[in-house]
Amino acid sequence: MKNQLSLYVFVSVLFVVGVIFGALMVNALTFEQQQKLAQEMDQYVQMMNAGSGSGEAQTFWERLMFHSKWLIVLWLLGITVVGIPGVLALNFLKGSLVGFSVGTLINQYAWKGVLFSLVSIAPQNMITVPAMIITSAAALSFSMFVVKNRLLQQKGKLAPELSAFTSTALLMLLLFAGAALFEAYVSPSMISWVSPFLSPANATI
């Protein structure tokens, strides 16, 4: 952990830059695009008010598969070594998606959008984002080891490093599963509690 501290800091900063970029992208949209997003958001809020949606078990597996795809891609990029730019790009993209989602809610519902973000976006991302950052740092560390100790100097054993990287990824899969459980069984109740405050009459667009 201590040896990879600089990697954690670098990946975290890249994620934060992505969040800022995503939030700024909301203001770059045209008025027509903002209106379309607002209509889609209103439809989602109305659906939550009606209590409709997928069952808990289905939602869990859907969210677990979604998170697992991110994890698998990071692992594959890490072991290919040449995928280092892809690892960095995924973290920036993840930050941009989070920033854009939060920015859209705030742009649509002002301070009530902040409240909705705290119950619909923030909780699961408090689990998935650290897990993604840890996996990304492990992928970068493994790739750097391969470049330095196998390609340049021809020393060091690859198997222990690959095992450590894979073990880290599998451990993070457990965190992703926890996030999926939260999204399936806890988030709907929290969102249903807040969604009545987000009626179209409260929208700013």
N, C-alpha and C. Protein backbone atom coordinates (compact mmCIF):
# COMPACT_ATOMS: atom_id res chain seq x y z
N MET A 1 0.83 -1.21 0.00
CA MET A 1 0.00 0.00 0.00
C MET A 1 0.87 1.26 0.00
N LYS A 2 1.92 1.27 0.85
CA LYS A 2 2.77 2.44 0.93
C LYS A 2 3.54 2.66 -0.36
N ASN A 3 3.99 1.55 -0.98
CA ASN A 3 4.76 1.65 -2.21
C ASN A 3 3.90 2.19 -3.35
N GLN A 4 2.60 1.98 -3.28
CA GLN A 4 1.71 2.40 -4.36
C GLN A 4 0.99 3.70 -4.03
N LEU A 5 1.41 4.38 -2.97
CA LEU A 5 0.71 5.60 -2.55
C LEU A 5 0.68 6.64 -3.66
N SER A 6 1.80 6.81 -4.35
CA SER A 6 1.85 7.82 -5.41
C SER A 6 0.88 7.47 -6.54
N LEU A 7 0.72 6.17 -6.81
CA LEU A 7 -0.22 5.74 -7.83
C LEU A 7 -1.65 6.02 -7.40
N TYR A 8 -1.95 5.77 -6.13
CA TYR A 8 -3.30 6.05 -5.62
C TYR A 8 -3.62 7.54 -5.74
N VAL A 9 -2.65 8.36 -5.37
CA VAL A 9 -2.85 9.81 -5.44
C VAL A 9 -3.05 10.24 -6.88
N PHE A 10 -2.24 9.72 -7.79
CA PHE A 10 -2.33 10.10 -9.20
C PHE A 10 -3.68 9.71 -9.80
N VAL A 11 -4.10 8.47 -9.55
CA VAL A 11 -5.37 8.00 -10.09
C VAL A 11 -6.54 8.76 -9.47
N SER A 12 -6.44 9.06 -8.17
CA SER A 12 -7.51 9.80 -7.50
C SER A 12 -7.65 11.21 -8.07
N VAL A 13 -6.51 11.86 -8.29
CA VAL A 13 -6.54 13.21 -8.88
C VAL A 13 -7.13 13.16 -10.28
N LEU A 14 -6.78 12.13 -11.05
CA LEU A 14 -7.34 11.98 -12.39
C LEU A 14 -8.85 11.80 -12.34
N PHE A 15 -9.32 11.04 -11.37
CA PHE A 15 -10.77 10.85 -11.20
C PHE A 15 -11.44 12.17 -10.86
N VAL A 16 -10.86 12.94 -9.95
CA VAL A 16 -11.44 14.22 -9.55
C VAL A 16 -11.48 15.19 -10.73
N VAL A 17 -10.42 15.19 -11.54
CA VAL A 17 -10.40 16.03 -12.74
C VAL A 17 -11.54 15.63 -13.68
N GLY A 18 -11.78 14.32 -13.77
CA GLY A 18 -12.89 13.84 -14.58
C GLY A 18 -14.23 14.31 -14.05
N VAL A 19 -14.39 14.30 -12.73
CA VAL A 19 -15.63 14.79 -12.12
C VAL A 19 -15.86 16.25 -12.47
N ILE A 20 -14.83 17.05 -12.35
CA ILE A 20 -14.94 18.48 -12.67
C ILE A 20 -15.29 18.67 -14.14
N PHE A 21 -14.61 17.90 -14.99
CA PHE A 21 -14.87 17.99 -16.43
C PHE A 21 -16.32 17.61 -16.75
N GLY A 22 -16.80 16.53 -16.13
CA GLY A 22 -18.18 16.09 -16.36
C GLY A 22 -19.19 17.13 -15.90
N ALA A 23 -18.92 17.75 -14.75
CA ALA A 23 -19.84 18.78 -14.24
C ALA A 23 -19.87 19.99 -15.17
N LEU A 24 -18.70 20.35 -15.71
CA LEU A 24 -18.66 21.50 -16.62
C LEU A 24 -19.33 21.19 -17.95
N MET A 25 -19.33 19.92 -18.33
CA MET A 25 -19.95 19.54 -19.60
C MET A 25 -21.45 19.81 -19.62
N VAL A 26 -22.08 19.79 -18.43
CA VAL A 26 -23.52 20.07 -18.35
C VAL A 26 -23.81 21.47 -18.87
N ASN A 27 -22.97 22.43 -18.50
CA ASN A 27 -23.18 23.80 -18.94
C ASN A 27 -22.85 23.99 -20.42
N ALA A 28 -22.11 23.04 -20.99
CA ALA A 28 -21.75 23.15 -22.40
C ALA A 28 -22.85 22.63 -23.32
N LEU A 29 -23.86 21.99 -22.74
CA LEU A 29 -24.96 21.47 -23.55
C LEU A 29 -25.83 22.61 -24.06
N THR A 30 -26.44 22.39 -25.20
CA THR A 30 -27.39 23.37 -25.71
C THR A 30 -28.67 23.33 -24.88
N PHE A 31 -29.50 24.35 -25.03
CA PHE A 31 -30.74 24.40 -24.27
C PHE A 31 -31.65 23.23 -24.64
N GLU A 32 -31.66 22.88 -25.92
CA GLU A 32 -32.49 21.75 -26.36
C GLU A 32 -32.02 20.44 -25.73
N GLN A 33 -30.70 20.24 -25.64
CA GLN A 33 -30.16 19.04 -25.02
C GLN A 33 -30.48 19.00 -23.53
N GLN A 34 -30.41 20.17 -22.88
CA GLN A 34 -30.76 20.24 -21.46
C GLN A 34 -32.23 19.93 -21.25
N GLN A 35 -33.08 20.41 -22.15
CA GLN A 35 -34.51 20.11 -22.04
C GLN A 35 -34.78 18.62 -22.20
N LYS A 36 -34.08 17.98 -23.13
CA LYS A 36 -34.26 16.54 -23.34
C LYS A 36 -33.83 15.75 -22.11
N LEU A 37 -32.69 16.14 -21.54
CA LEU A 37 -32.24 15.49 -20.30
C LEU A 37 -33.25 15.71 -19.18
N ALA A 38 -33.80 16.92 -19.11
CA ALA A 38 -34.78 17.23 -18.07
C ALA A 38 -36.02 16.36 -18.22
N GLN A 39 -36.47 16.15 -19.45
CA GLN A 39 -37.64 15.31 -19.68
C GLN A 39 -37.37 13.86 -19.26
N GLU A 40 -36.19 13.36 -19.60
CA GLU A 40 -35.84 11.99 -19.21
C GLU A 40 -35.73 11.86 -17.70
N MET A 41 -35.20 12.89 -17.06
CA MET A 41 -35.09 12.87 -15.60
C MET A 41 -36.48 12.90 -14.96
N ASP A 42 -37.38 13.70 -15.51
CA ASP A 42 -38.75 13.75 -14.98
C ASP A 42 -39.44 12.39 -15.11
N GLN A 43 -39.21 11.71 -16.22
CA GLN A 43 -39.80 10.39 -16.41
C GLN A 43 -39.27 9.40 -15.38
N TYR A 44 -37.97 9.49 -15.10
CA TYR A 44 -37.37 8.60 -14.10
C TYR A 44 -37.94 8.88 -12.71
N VAL A 45 -38.06 10.16 -12.38
CA VAL A 45 -38.60 10.54 -11.07
C VAL A 45 -40.03 10.07 -10.92
N GLN A 46 -40.84 10.23 -11.97
CA GLN A 46 -42.23 9.78 -11.93
C GLN A 46 -42.31 8.26 -11.77
N MET A 47 -41.39 7.56 -12.41
CA MET A 47 -41.36 6.10 -12.28
C MET A 47 -41.04 5.70 -10.85
N MET A 48 -40.09 6.40 -10.22
CA MET A 48 -39.74 6.10 -8.84
C MET A 48 -40.88 6.45 -7.90
N ASN A 49 -41.60 7.54 -8.19
CA ASN A 49 -42.75 7.91 -7.37
C ASN A 49 -43.84 6.84 -7.44
N ALA A 50 -43.96 6.22 -8.62
CA ALA A 50 -44.96 5.17 -8.80
C ALA A 50 -44.53 3.84 -8.21
N GLY A 51 -43.25 3.76 -7.82
CA GLY A 51 -42.74 2.53 -7.22
C GLY A 51 -42.48 1.44 -8.22
N SER A 52 -42.38 1.79 -9.50
CA SER A 52 -42.13 0.78 -10.52
C SER A 52 -40.64 0.64 -10.75
N GLY A 53 -40.25 -0.49 -11.32
CA GLY A 53 -38.84 -0.76 -11.57
C GLY A 53 -38.56 -2.25 -11.51
N SER A 54 -37.33 -2.62 -11.75
CA SER A 54 -36.95 -4.03 -11.72
C SER A 54 -36.97 -4.55 -10.29
N GLY A 55 -37.12 -5.86 -10.15
CA GLY A 55 -37.05 -6.48 -8.84
C GLY A 55 -35.66 -6.38 -8.26
N GLU A 56 -35.57 -6.58 -6.94
CA GLU A 56 -34.29 -6.43 -6.25
C GLU A 56 -33.23 -7.38 -6.79
N ALA A 57 -33.60 -8.66 -6.96
CA ALA A 57 -32.64 -9.65 -7.43
C ALA A 57 -32.14 -9.31 -8.83
N GLN A 58 -33.05 -8.93 -9.71
CA GLN A 58 -32.66 -8.57 -11.08
C GLN A 58 -31.75 -7.35 -11.08
N THR A 59 -32.11 -6.36 -10.27
CA THR A 59 -31.29 -5.16 -10.19
C THR A 59 -29.91 -5.49 -9.66
N PHE A 60 -29.83 -6.37 -8.67
CA PHE A 60 -28.53 -6.75 -8.12
C PHE A 60 -27.62 -7.35 -9.19
N TRP A 61 -28.15 -8.31 -9.95
CA TRP A 61 -27.32 -8.96 -10.95
C TRP A 61 -26.96 -8.01 -12.08
N GLU A 62 -27.89 -7.11 -12.43
CA GLU A 62 -27.59 -6.14 -13.48
C GLU A 62 -26.46 -5.20 -13.05
N ARG A 63 -26.55 -4.71 -11.81
CA ARG A 63 -25.53 -3.79 -11.32
C ARG A 63 -24.19 -4.51 -11.10
N LEU A 64 -24.25 -5.76 -10.62
CA LEU A 64 -23.01 -6.52 -10.43
C LEU A 64 -22.32 -6.77 -11.76
N MET A 65 -23.09 -7.10 -12.79
CA MET A 65 -22.51 -7.31 -14.10
C MET A 65 -21.92 -6.02 -14.65
N PHE A 66 -22.61 -4.90 -14.41
CA PHE A 66 -22.10 -3.61 -14.88
C PHE A 66 -20.77 -3.28 -14.22
N HIS A 67 -20.69 -3.42 -12.89
CA HIS A 67 -19.45 -3.13 -12.18
C HIS A 67 -18.35 -4.12 -12.56
N SER A 68 -18.73 -5.38 -12.76
CA SER A 68 -17.74 -6.41 -13.09
C SER A 68 -17.09 -6.14 -14.43
N LYS A 69 -17.83 -5.56 -15.36
CA LYS A 69 -17.26 -5.24 -16.67
C LYS A 69 -16.14 -4.21 -16.54
N TRP A 70 -16.35 -3.21 -15.69
CA TRP A 70 -15.29 -2.23 -15.44
C TRP A 70 -14.06 -2.94 -14.86
N LEU A 71 -14.30 -3.85 -13.90
CA LEU A 71 -13.20 -4.54 -13.24
C LEU A 71 -12.43 -5.42 -14.22
N ILE A 72 -13.15 -6.16 -15.05
CA ILE A 72 -12.52 -7.06 -16.01
C ILE A 72 -11.68 -6.27 -17.02
N VAL A 73 -12.23 -5.16 -17.48
CA VAL A 73 -11.50 -4.33 -18.44
C VAL A 73 -10.21 -3.79 -17.82
N LEU A 74 -10.30 -3.32 -16.57
CA LEU A 74 -9.10 -2.83 -15.89
C LEU A 74 -8.06 -3.93 -15.73
N TRP A 75 -8.51 -5.14 -15.39
CA TRP A 75 -7.59 -6.26 -15.22
C TRP A 75 -6.92 -6.61 -16.54
N LEU A 76 -7.69 -6.66 -17.60
CA LEU A 76 -7.14 -6.98 -18.92
C LEU A 76 -6.15 -5.91 -19.38
N LEU A 77 -6.50 -4.65 -19.15
CA LEU A 77 -5.59 -3.57 -19.53
C LEU A 77 -4.29 -3.63 -18.74
N GLY A 78 -4.41 -4.04 -17.46
CA GLY A 78 -3.23 -4.14 -16.62
C GLY A 78 -2.27 -5.23 -17.08
N ILE A 79 -2.78 -6.39 -17.41
CA ILE A 79 -1.89 -7.50 -17.78
C ILE A 79 -1.33 -7.36 -19.20
N THR A 80 -1.96 -6.52 -20.02
CA THR A 80 -1.43 -6.31 -21.37
C THR A 80 -0.32 -5.28 -21.40
N VAL A 81 -0.12 -4.56 -20.30
CA VAL A 81 0.94 -3.55 -20.16
C VAL A 81 0.67 -2.33 -21.05
N VAL A 82 0.42 -2.56 -22.34
CA VAL A 82 0.18 -1.44 -23.25
C VAL A 82 -1.15 -0.76 -22.95
N GLY A 83 -1.92 -1.34 -22.03
CA GLY A 83 -3.21 -0.77 -21.69
C GLY A 83 -3.17 0.30 -20.62
N ILE A 84 -1.95 0.75 -20.24
CA ILE A 84 -1.84 1.78 -19.21
C ILE A 84 -2.65 3.03 -19.55
N PRO A 85 -2.57 3.56 -20.79
CA PRO A 85 -3.41 4.72 -21.12
C PRO A 85 -4.89 4.42 -20.97
N GLY A 86 -5.28 3.17 -21.26
CA GLY A 86 -6.68 2.80 -21.11
C GLY A 86 -7.13 2.81 -19.67
N VAL A 87 -6.27 2.39 -18.76
CA VAL A 87 -6.59 2.44 -17.32
C VAL A 87 -6.83 3.87 -16.89
N LEU A 88 -5.96 4.76 -17.31
CA LEU A 88 -6.10 6.17 -16.96
C LEU A 88 -7.37 6.76 -17.58
N ALA A 89 -7.64 6.38 -18.83
CA ALA A 89 -8.82 6.89 -19.51
C ALA A 89 -10.10 6.43 -18.83
N LEU A 90 -10.14 5.19 -18.35
CA LEU A 90 -11.34 4.68 -17.68
C LEU A 90 -11.61 5.44 -16.38
N ASN A 91 -10.56 5.77 -15.64
CA ASN A 91 -10.75 6.52 -14.40
C ASN A 91 -11.24 7.94 -14.69
N PHE A 92 -10.71 8.55 -15.72
CA PHE A 92 -11.19 9.87 -16.12
C PHE A 92 -12.64 9.79 -16.57
N LEU A 93 -12.97 8.74 -17.35
CA LEU A 93 -14.34 8.56 -17.83
C LEU A 93 -15.30 8.34 -16.68
N LYS A 94 -14.90 7.52 -15.70
CA LYS A 94 -15.75 7.27 -14.54
C LYS A 94 -16.03 8.58 -13.80
N GLY A 95 -14.99 9.37 -13.59
CA GLY A 95 -15.17 10.66 -12.93
C GLY A 95 -16.08 11.57 -13.73
N SER A 96 -15.93 11.55 -15.05
CA SER A 96 -16.76 12.40 -15.91
C SER A 96 -18.23 12.00 -15.82
N LEU A 97 -18.49 10.69 -15.77
CA LEU A 97 -19.87 10.22 -15.67
C LEU A 97 -20.50 10.65 -14.34
N VAL A 98 -19.73 10.51 -13.27
CA VAL A 98 -20.25 10.93 -11.96
C VAL A 98 -20.50 12.43 -11.93
N GLY A 99 -19.53 13.19 -12.42
CA GLY A 99 -19.67 14.65 -12.44
C GLY A 99 -20.82 15.11 -13.31
N PHE A 100 -20.99 14.46 -14.46
CA PHE A 100 -22.09 14.83 -15.35
C PHE A 100 -23.44 14.51 -14.72
N SER A 101 -23.53 13.35 -14.06
CA SER A 101 -24.80 12.95 -13.41
C SER A 101 -25.18 13.93 -12.31
N VAL A 102 -24.22 14.24 -11.46
CA VAL A 102 -24.50 15.18 -10.36
C VAL A 102 -24.79 16.57 -10.92
N GLY A 103 -24.01 16.99 -11.90
CA GLY A 103 -24.23 18.31 -12.49
C GLY A 103 -25.59 18.43 -13.14
N THR A 104 -26.05 17.36 -13.79
CA THR A 104 -27.37 17.38 -14.43
C THR A 104 -28.47 17.53 -13.39
N LEU A 105 -28.36 16.80 -12.28
CA LEU A 105 -29.37 16.89 -11.23
C LEU A 105 -29.41 18.27 -10.60
N ILE A 106 -28.24 18.82 -10.34
CA ILE A 106 -28.19 20.16 -9.74
C ILE A 106 -28.71 21.20 -10.72
N ASN A 107 -28.36 21.06 -11.99
CA ASN A 107 -28.83 21.99 -13.01
C ASN A 107 -30.34 21.92 -13.18
N GLN A 108 -30.90 20.73 -12.95
CA GLN A 108 -32.33 20.52 -13.13
C GLN A 108 -33.14 20.91 -11.90
N TYR A 109 -32.64 20.57 -10.70
CA TYR A 109 -33.43 20.73 -9.49
C TYR A 109 -32.78 21.59 -8.40
N ALA A 110 -31.66 22.25 -8.74
CA ALA A 110 -30.98 23.12 -7.79
C ALA A 110 -30.60 22.34 -6.52
N TRP A 111 -30.90 22.90 -5.33
CA TRP A 111 -30.45 22.27 -4.09
C TRP A 111 -31.14 20.92 -3.87
N LYS A 112 -32.35 20.74 -4.40
CA LYS A 112 -33.01 19.44 -4.28
C LYS A 112 -32.30 18.38 -5.12
N GLY A 113 -31.64 18.83 -6.18
CA GLY A 113 -30.81 17.91 -6.95
C GLY A 113 -29.61 17.42 -6.17
N VAL A 114 -29.09 18.29 -5.29
CA VAL A 114 -28.00 17.88 -4.41
C VAL A 114 -28.47 16.78 -3.47
N LEU A 115 -29.66 16.97 -2.90
CA LEU A 115 -30.23 15.95 -2.01
C LEU A 115 -30.43 14.63 -2.73
N PHE A 116 -30.95 14.70 -3.96
CA PHE A 116 -31.17 13.48 -4.74
C PHE A 116 -29.85 12.80 -5.07
N SER A 117 -28.82 13.59 -5.34
CA SER A 117 -27.50 13.02 -5.63
C SER A 117 -26.93 12.28 -4.43
N LEU A 118 -27.20 12.82 -3.23
CA LEU A 118 -26.67 12.21 -2.02
C LEU A 118 -27.27 10.84 -1.74
N VAL A 119 -28.48 10.59 -2.23
CA VAL A 119 -29.12 9.30 -1.97
C VAL A 119 -29.07 8.36 -3.17
N SER A 120 -28.90 8.91 -4.38
CA SER A 120 -28.97 8.07 -5.57
C SER A 120 -27.61 7.80 -6.21
N ILE A 121 -26.65 8.70 -6.03
CA ILE A 121 -25.34 8.57 -6.68
C ILE A 121 -24.21 8.37 -5.69
N ALA A 122 -24.21 9.17 -4.63
CA ALA A 122 -23.08 9.16 -3.71
C ALA A 122 -22.86 7.84 -2.97
N PRO A 123 -23.90 7.21 -2.39
CA PRO A 123 -23.65 6.03 -1.54
C PRO A 123 -22.89 4.91 -2.22
N GLN A 124 -23.37 4.44 -3.37
CA GLN A 124 -22.70 3.32 -4.03
C GLN A 124 -21.34 3.71 -4.59
N ASN A 125 -21.20 4.99 -4.99
CA ASN A 125 -19.91 5.42 -5.50
C ASN A 125 -18.87 5.56 -4.40
N MET A 126 -19.30 5.68 -3.17
CA MET A 126 -18.36 5.68 -2.05
C MET A 126 -17.72 4.30 -1.90
N ILE A 127 -18.34 3.29 -2.51
CA ILE A 127 -17.77 1.94 -2.50
C ILE A 127 -17.06 1.65 -3.81
N THR A 128 -17.73 1.94 -4.93
CA THR A 128 -17.18 1.55 -6.23
C THR A 128 -15.97 2.39 -6.64
N VAL A 129 -15.97 3.68 -6.31
CA VAL A 129 -14.86 4.53 -6.73
C VAL A 129 -13.56 4.12 -6.05
N PRO A 130 -13.51 3.96 -4.70
CA PRO A 130 -12.26 3.47 -4.09
C PRO A 130 -11.83 2.12 -4.63
N ALA A 131 -12.81 1.22 -4.87
CA ALA A 131 -12.47 -0.09 -5.42
C ALA A 131 -11.85 0.05 -6.80
N MET A 132 -12.39 0.95 -7.60
CA MET A 132 -11.85 1.16 -8.94
C MET A 132 -10.46 1.79 -8.88
N ILE A 133 -10.27 2.72 -7.97
CA ILE A 133 -8.96 3.36 -7.83
C ILE A 133 -7.90 2.36 -7.37
N ILE A 134 -8.26 1.49 -6.42
CA ILE A 134 -7.32 0.48 -5.95
C ILE A 134 -6.97 -0.50 -7.07
N THR A 135 -7.97 -0.93 -7.83
CA THR A 135 -7.72 -1.84 -8.95
C THR A 135 -6.85 -1.17 -10.01
N SER A 136 -7.12 0.10 -10.29
CA SER A 136 -6.34 0.83 -11.29
C SER A 136 -4.90 0.98 -10.85
N ALA A 137 -4.70 1.31 -9.57
CA ALA A 137 -3.33 1.44 -9.05
C ALA A 137 -2.59 0.11 -9.13
N ALA A 138 -3.30 -0.98 -8.82
CA ALA A 138 -2.69 -2.31 -8.91
C ALA A 138 -2.35 -2.64 -10.36
N ALA A 139 -3.22 -2.26 -11.30
CA ALA A 139 -2.96 -2.51 -12.72
C ALA A 139 -1.74 -1.72 -13.19
N LEU A 140 -1.65 -0.46 -12.78
CA LEU A 140 -0.50 0.36 -13.16
C LEU A 140 0.78 -0.18 -12.54
N SER A 141 0.71 -0.62 -11.28
CA SER A 141 1.87 -1.17 -10.60
C SER A 141 2.37 -2.43 -11.29
N PHE A 142 1.44 -3.30 -11.68
CA PHE A 142 1.83 -4.54 -12.36
C PHE A 142 2.45 -4.23 -13.72
N SER A 143 1.84 -3.32 -14.45
CA SER A 143 2.36 -2.96 -15.77
C SER A 143 3.76 -2.37 -15.66
N MET A 144 3.96 -1.50 -14.67
CA MET A 144 5.27 -0.89 -14.47
C MET A 144 6.31 -1.94 -14.07
N PHE A 145 5.90 -2.93 -13.29
CA PHE A 145 6.81 -4.02 -12.91
C PHE A 145 7.25 -4.80 -14.14
N VAL A 146 6.28 -5.11 -15.00
CA VAL A 146 6.61 -5.87 -16.21
C VAL A 146 7.58 -5.09 -17.09
N VAL A 147 7.32 -3.81 -17.28
CA VAL A 147 8.18 -2.99 -18.13
C VAL A 147 9.58 -2.88 -17.55
N LYS A 148 9.66 -2.64 -16.24
CA LYS A 148 10.96 -2.40 -15.61
C LYS A 148 11.76 -3.67 -15.40
N ASN A 149 11.10 -4.72 -14.90
CA ASN A 149 11.83 -5.91 -14.46
C ASN A 149 11.81 -7.07 -15.44
N ARG A 150 10.93 -7.03 -16.42
CA ARG A 150 10.89 -8.12 -17.39
C ARG A 150 11.33 -7.70 -18.78
N LEU A 151 10.91 -6.52 -19.19
CA LEU A 151 11.25 -6.08 -20.54
C LEU A 151 12.61 -5.40 -20.59
N LEU A 152 12.94 -4.61 -19.57
CA LEU A 152 14.19 -3.84 -19.59
C LEU A 152 15.36 -4.56 -18.94
N GLN A 153 15.12 -5.17 -17.77
CA GLN A 153 16.23 -5.76 -17.01
C GLN A 153 16.21 -7.28 -16.97
N GLN A 154 15.12 -7.89 -17.40
CA GLN A 154 15.03 -9.35 -17.41
C GLN A 154 15.32 -9.97 -16.04
N LYS A 155 14.65 -9.44 -15.01
CA LYS A 155 14.81 -10.00 -13.68
C LYS A 155 13.48 -9.92 -12.94
N GLY A 156 13.38 -10.67 -11.85
CA GLY A 156 12.15 -10.68 -11.07
C GLY A 156 11.18 -11.72 -11.59
N LYS A 157 10.40 -12.28 -10.67
CA LYS A 157 9.42 -13.30 -11.04
C LYS A 157 8.07 -12.65 -11.32
N LEU A 158 7.48 -13.07 -12.42
CA LEU A 158 6.21 -12.47 -12.85
C LEU A 158 5.02 -13.06 -12.10
N ALA A 159 5.07 -14.36 -11.79
CA ALA A 159 3.92 -15.04 -11.20
C ALA A 159 3.44 -14.41 -9.89
N PRO A 160 4.34 -14.09 -8.94
CA PRO A 160 3.86 -13.48 -7.69
C PRO A 160 3.17 -12.14 -7.90
N GLU A 161 3.71 -11.35 -8.83
CA GLU A 161 3.10 -10.05 -9.10
C GLU A 161 1.73 -10.20 -9.75
N LEU A 162 1.63 -11.13 -10.69
CA LEU A 162 0.35 -11.37 -11.34
C LEU A 162 -0.67 -11.91 -10.35
N SER A 163 -0.21 -12.79 -9.45
CA SER A 163 -1.10 -13.34 -8.43
C SER A 163 -1.61 -12.25 -7.49
N ALA A 164 -0.70 -11.33 -7.10
CA ALA A 164 -1.09 -10.23 -6.21
C ALA A 164 -2.09 -9.31 -6.89
N PHE A 165 -1.85 -9.01 -8.16
CA PHE A 165 -2.75 -8.14 -8.92
C PHE A 165 -4.12 -8.78 -9.08
N THR A 166 -4.14 -10.07 -9.42
CA THR A 166 -5.41 -10.78 -9.60
C THR A 166 -6.16 -10.89 -8.27
N SER A 167 -5.42 -11.14 -7.19
CA SER A 167 -6.06 -11.23 -5.87
C SER A 167 -6.69 -9.90 -5.47
N THR A 168 -6.01 -8.82 -5.79
CA THR A 168 -6.56 -7.49 -5.51
C THR A 168 -7.84 -7.27 -6.29
N ALA A 169 -7.84 -7.66 -7.56
CA ALA A 169 -9.02 -7.49 -8.40
C ALA A 169 -10.19 -8.32 -7.86
N LEU A 170 -9.92 -9.54 -7.44
CA LEU A 170 -10.98 -10.39 -6.89
C LEU A 170 -11.53 -9.82 -5.59
N LEU A 171 -10.64 -9.25 -4.78
CA LEU A 171 -11.09 -8.63 -3.53
C LEU A 171 -11.97 -7.43 -3.81
N MET A 172 -11.61 -6.66 -4.82
CA MET A 172 -12.42 -5.50 -5.19
C MET A 172 -13.77 -5.93 -5.76
N LEU A 173 -13.82 -7.15 -6.33
CA LEU A 173 -15.09 -7.67 -6.83
C LEU A 173 -16.09 -7.83 -5.68
N LEU A 174 -15.59 -8.18 -4.51
CA LEU A 174 -16.46 -8.28 -3.33
C LEU A 174 -17.04 -6.91 -2.97
N LEU A 175 -16.23 -5.87 -3.10
CA LEU A 175 -16.73 -4.51 -2.83
C LEU A 175 -17.77 -4.11 -3.87
N PHE A 176 -17.53 -4.46 -5.12
CA PHE A 176 -18.50 -4.17 -6.16
C PHE A 176 -19.82 -4.91 -5.90
N ALA A 177 -19.71 -6.14 -5.40
CA ALA A 177 -20.92 -6.90 -5.06
C ALA A 177 -21.67 -6.20 -3.92
N GLY A 178 -20.93 -5.66 -2.95
CA GLY A 178 -21.56 -4.91 -1.87
C GLY A 178 -22.27 -3.68 -2.38
N ALA A 179 -21.65 -2.99 -3.34
CA ALA A 179 -22.29 -1.81 -3.94
C ALA A 179 -23.54 -2.21 -4.70
N ALA A 180 -23.49 -3.34 -5.40
CA ALA A 180 -24.67 -3.82 -6.13
C ALA A 180 -25.80 -4.17 -5.18
N LEU A 181 -25.46 -4.78 -4.05
CA LEU A 181 -26.48 -5.09 -3.03
C LEU A 181 -27.13 -3.82 -2.51
N PHE A 182 -26.32 -2.80 -2.27
CA PHE A 182 -26.85 -1.53 -1.78
C PHE A 182 -27.78 -0.91 -2.82
N GLU A 183 -27.37 -0.92 -4.09
CA GLU A 183 -28.18 -0.34 -5.15
C GLU A 183 -29.49 -1.08 -5.34
N ALA A 184 -29.48 -2.39 -5.07
CA ALA A 184 -30.67 -3.20 -5.31
C ALA A 184 -31.65 -3.15 -4.15
N TYR A 185 -31.15 -3.12 -2.92
CA TYR A 185 -32.03 -3.30 -1.76
C TYR A 185 -32.18 -2.05 -0.89
N VAL A 186 -31.27 -1.11 -1.00
CA VAL A 186 -31.33 0.08 -0.14
C VAL A 186 -31.65 1.34 -0.94
N SER A 187 -30.96 1.53 -2.05
CA SER A 187 -31.13 2.75 -2.84
C SER A 187 -32.57 3.01 -3.26
N PRO A 188 -33.34 1.97 -3.72
CA PRO A 188 -34.72 2.27 -4.14
C PRO A 188 -35.56 2.92 -3.05
N SER A 189 -35.39 2.47 -1.81
CA SER A 189 -36.15 3.06 -0.71
C SER A 189 -35.73 4.50 -0.47
N MET A 190 -34.44 4.76 -0.52
CA MET A 190 -33.94 6.12 -0.31
C MET A 190 -34.39 7.05 -1.44
N ILE A 191 -34.34 6.54 -2.67
CA ILE A 191 -34.75 7.36 -3.82
C ILE A 191 -36.25 7.63 -3.77
N SER A 192 -37.03 6.63 -3.40
CA SER A 192 -38.48 6.82 -3.31
C SER A 192 -38.84 7.85 -2.25
N TRP A 193 -38.02 7.95 -1.22
CA TRP A 193 -38.27 8.93 -0.16
C TRP A 193 -38.01 10.35 -0.64
N VAL A 194 -37.01 10.52 -1.51
CA VAL A 194 -36.62 11.85 -1.97
C VAL A 194 -37.35 12.27 -3.24
N SER A 195 -37.69 11.31 -4.10
CA SER A 195 -38.25 11.62 -5.41
C SER A 195 -39.51 12.48 -5.38
N PRO A 196 -40.40 12.39 -4.35
CA PRO A 196 -41.56 13.29 -4.35
C PRO A 196 -41.21 14.77 -4.34
N PHE A 197 -40.01 15.10 -3.85
CA PHE A 197 -39.59 16.50 -3.83
C PHE A 197 -39.16 16.98 -5.22
N LEU A 198 -39.00 16.04 -6.16
CA LEU A 198 -38.46 16.39 -7.47
C LEU A 198 -39.55 16.33 -8.54
N SER A 199 -40.67 16.90 -8.27
CA SER A 199 -41.75 16.94 -9.26
C SER A 199 -41.38 17.91 -10.37
N PRO A 200 -41.98 17.78 -11.56
CA PRO A 200 -41.67 18.71 -12.66
C PRO A 200 -41.90 20.16 -12.28
N ALA A 201 -42.80 20.41 -11.33
CA ALA A 201 -43.04 21.80 -10.91
C ALA A 201 -41.84 22.40 -10.21
N ASN A 202 -40.97 21.52 -9.64
CA ASN A 202 -39.78 22.02 -8.95
C ASN A 202 -38.58 22.16 -9.87
N ALA A 203 -38.73 21.74 -11.11
CA ALA A 203 -37.60 21.78 -12.04
C ALA A 203 -37.28 23.22 -12.42
N THR A 204 -36.00 23.46 -12.70
CA THR A 204 -35.57 24.79 -13.09
C THR A 204 -35.47 24.94 -14.60
N ILE A 205 -35.62 23.80 -15.34
CA ILE A 205 -35.56 23.84 -16.80
C ILE A 205 -36.90 23.42 -17.37
